[in-house]
C-alpha atoms as a PDB file:
ATOM      1  CA  MET A   1     -13.912  -5.560 -20.832  1.00  0.00           C
ATOM      2  CA  ILE A   2     -12.748  -2.916 -23.269  1.00  0.00           C
ATOM      3  CA  LEU A   3     -13.752   0.719 -22.788  1.00  0.00           C
ATOM      4  CA  ASN A   4     -13.497   3.587 -25.263  1.00  0.00           C
ATOM      5  CA  GLU A   5     -14.543   7.162 -24.439  1.00  0.00           C
ATOM      6  CA  ARG A   6     -14.858   9.957 -26.986  1.00  0.00           C
ATOM      7  CA  ASP A   7     -15.796  13.562 -26.358  1.00  0.00           C
ATOM      8  CA  THR A   8     -18.267  14.805 -28.983  1.00  0.00           C
ATOM      9  CA  ASP A   9     -20.248  18.005 -29.480  1.00  0.00           C
ATOM     10  CA  GLU A  10     -23.252  16.139 -28.037  1.00  0.00           C
ATOM     11  CA  GLY A  11     -21.400  14.834 -24.971  1.00  0.00           C
ATOM     12  CA  LEU A  12     -19.423  11.763 -23.981  1.00  0.00           C
ATOM     13  CA  LEU A  13     -19.780   8.761 -26.323  1.00  0.00           C
ATOM     14  CA  VAL A  14     -18.840   5.466 -24.677  1.00  0.00           C
ATOM     15  CA  SER A  15     -18.346   2.050 -26.236  1.00  0.00           C
ATOM     16  CA  VAL A  16     -17.908  -1.076 -24.138  1.00  0.00           C
ATOM     17  CA  CYS A  17     -17.398  -4.633 -25.293  1.00  0.00           C
ATOM     18  CA  ASP A  18     -16.105  -8.000 -24.237  1.00  0.00           C
ATOM     19  CA  PRO A  19     -12.480  -8.380 -25.382  1.00  0.00           C
ATOM     20  CA  ASP A  20     -12.984 -11.727 -27.133  1.00  0.00           C
ATOM     21  CA  ILE A  21     -15.513 -10.375 -29.666  1.00  0.00           C
ATOM     22  CA  VAL A  22     -13.542  -7.459 -31.153  1.00  0.00           C
ATOM     23  CA  GLY A  23     -13.459  -7.971 -34.912  1.00  0.00           C
ATOM     24  CA  GLU A  24     -16.396 -10.387 -34.894  1.00  0.00           C
ATOM     25  CA  THR A  25     -19.637  -9.969 -36.838  1.00  0.00           C
ATOM     26  CA  PHE A  26     -22.931 -11.248 -35.445  1.00  0.00           C
ATOM     27  CA  GLU A  27     -26.109 -11.709 -37.463  1.00  0.00           C
ATOM     28  CA  ASP A  28     -29.748 -12.388 -36.711  1.00  0.00           C
ATOM     29  CA  GLY A  29     -31.888 -12.310 -39.835  1.00  0.00           C
ATOM     30  CA  PRO A  30     -31.624  -8.843 -41.351  1.00  0.00           C
ATOM     31  CA  VAL A  31     -29.710  -7.488 -38.349  1.00  0.00           C
ATOM     32  CA  SER A  32     -25.917  -7.478 -38.544  1.00  0.00           C
ATOM     33  CA  LEU A  33     -23.539  -6.144 -35.893  1.00  0.00           C
ATOM     34  CA  THR A  34     -19.782  -5.846 -36.395  1.00  0.00           C
ATOM     35  CA  VAL A  35     -17.678  -5.179 -33.299  1.00  0.00           C
ATOM     36  CA  ASP A  36     -15.263  -2.966 -35.199  1.00  0.00           C
ATOM     37  CA  GLU A  37     -11.907  -2.339 -33.506  1.00  0.00           C
ATOM     38  CA  GLU A  38     -11.897   1.271 -34.725  1.00  0.00           C
ATOM     39  CA  PHE A  39     -15.100   1.975 -32.783  1.00  0.00           C
ATOM     40  CA  TYR A  40     -14.954  -0.508 -29.888  1.00  0.00           C
ATOM     41  CA  GLY A  41     -11.200  -0.745 -29.449  1.00  0.00           C
ATOM     42  CA  GLY A  42      -9.783   0.945 -26.382  1.00  0.00           C
ATOM     43  CA  GLU A  43      -8.282   0.133 -23.029  1.00  0.00           C
ATOM     44  CA  SER A  44      -8.971  -2.802 -20.777  1.00  0.00           C
ATOM     45  CA  ALA A  45     -11.168  -1.571 -17.926  1.00  0.00           C
ATOM     46  CA  SER A  46     -12.466  -2.867 -14.616  1.00  0.00           C
ATOM     47  CA  GLU A  47     -16.148  -3.168 -13.818  1.00  0.00           C
ATOM     48  CA  ASP A  48     -15.906  -0.065 -11.598  1.00  0.00           C
ATOM     49  CA  GLU A  49     -14.381   1.940 -14.468  1.00  0.00           C
ATOM     50  CA  ILE A  50     -17.183   0.781 -16.792  1.00  0.00           C
ATOM     51  CA  ILE A  51     -19.827   1.812 -14.252  1.00  0.00           C
ATOM     52  CA  ASP A  52     -18.227   5.244 -13.824  1.00  0.00           C
ATOM     53  CA  SER A  53     -18.055   5.766 -17.572  1.00  0.00           C
ATOM     54  CA  LEU A  54     -21.686   4.739 -18.142  1.00  0.00           C
ATOM     55  CA  ALA A  55     -22.784   7.115 -15.379  1.00  0.00           C
ATOM     56  CA  ARG A  56     -21.018  10.043 -17.087  1.00  0.00           C
ATOM     57  CA  CYS A  57     -21.840   9.350 -20.741  1.00  0.00           C
ATOM     58  CA  SER A  58     -24.463  10.879 -22.984  1.00  0.00           C
ATOM     59  CA  VAL A  59     -24.609   7.835 -25.278  1.00  0.00           C
ATOM     60  CA  ALA A  60     -23.224   4.318 -24.963  1.00  0.00           C
ATOM     61  CA  ASN A  61     -22.986   1.267 -27.221  1.00  0.00           C
ATOM     62  CA  ILE A  62     -22.500  -1.966 -25.299  1.00  0.00           C
ATOM     63  CA  VAL A  63     -21.767  -5.384 -26.827  1.00  0.00           C
ATOM     64  CA  GLY A  64     -21.070  -8.780 -25.301  1.00  0.00           C
ATOM     65  CA  ASP A  65     -22.546 -10.908 -22.550  1.00  0.00           C
ATOM     66  CA  ASP A  66     -20.288  -9.538 -19.805  1.00  0.00           C
ATOM     67  CA  ALA A  67     -20.475  -5.868 -20.848  1.00  0.00           C
ATOM     68  CA  VAL A  68     -24.247  -5.893 -21.263  1.00  0.00           C
ATOM     69  CA  GLY A  69     -24.563  -7.827 -18.001  1.00  0.00           C
ATOM     70  CA  VAL A  70     -22.771  -5.037 -16.114  1.00  0.00           C
ATOM     71  CA  ALA A  71     -25.015  -2.391 -17.689  1.00  0.00           C
ATOM     72  CA  VAL A  72     -28.140  -4.345 -16.735  1.00  0.00           C
ATOM     73  CA  GLU A  73     -26.936  -5.276 -13.239  1.00  0.00           C
ATOM     74  CA  HIS A  74     -26.234  -1.642 -12.365  1.00  0.00           C
ATOM     75  CA  GLY A  75     -29.479  -0.262 -13.788  1.00  0.00           C
ATOM     76  CA  PHE A  76     -28.158   1.507 -16.883  1.00  0.00           C
ATOM     77  CA  VAL A  77     -30.113  -0.724 -19.270  1.00  0.00           C
ATOM     78  CA  ASP A  78     -33.394  -2.596 -18.756  1.00  0.00           C
ATOM     79  CA  GLU A  79     -33.137  -6.292 -19.606  1.00  0.00           C
ATOM     80  CA  GLU A  80     -36.183  -6.079 -21.892  1.00  0.00           C
ATOM     81  CA  ASN A  81     -34.316  -3.538 -24.062  1.00  0.00           C
ATOM     82  CA  VAL A  82     -31.339  -5.821 -24.700  1.00  0.00           C
ATOM     83  CA  LEU A  83     -31.056  -7.305 -28.194  1.00  0.00           C
ATOM     84  CA  ASP A  84     -29.793 -10.806 -28.872  1.00  0.00           C
ATOM     85  CA  VAL A  85     -27.829 -10.603 -32.115  1.00  0.00           C
ATOM     86  CA  GLY A  86     -26.558 -13.990 -33.140  1.00  0.00           C
ATOM     87  CA  GLU A  87     -24.405 -15.291 -30.310  1.00  0.00           C
ATOM     88  CA  THR A  88     -24.000 -12.020 -28.419  1.00  0.00           C
ATOM     89  CA  ARG A  89     -26.008  -9.292 -26.719  1.00  0.00           C
ATOM     90  CA  HIS A  90     -26.207  -5.606 -27.623  1.00  0.00           C
ATOM     91  CA  ALA A  91     -27.621  -2.561 -25.864  1.00  0.00           C
ATOM     92  CA  GLN A  92     -27.598   1.160 -26.416  1.00  0.00           C
ATOM     93  CA  LEU A  93     -27.896   3.812 -23.738  1.00  0.00           C
ATOM     94  CA  LEU A  94     -29.066   7.365 -24.327  1.00  0.00           C
ATOM     95  CA  TRP A  95     -29.537   9.845 -21.517  1.00  0.00           C
ATOM     96  CA  LEU A  96     -32.131  12.531 -22.267  1.00  0.00           C
END
């Protein structure tokens, strides 16, 4: 998986995606999701590094079957809140 962390005024912004979907666009009716390298590009990361990052973030954008699966498996995202967009899955995480 690919992990990107950015410090913002509102806290840590994390993006996680499966490596094979960077640059792809997925559509489902009026919904379109582009896995833009500028936003999702980063370093290859292990599952443990992804879990650590999601635990520390304020906001996360997660795309791809594997990446979303990790977020769901470890309780960061509820399965019922995951969107199927075309041939991939997408979830957002916001800690309040």
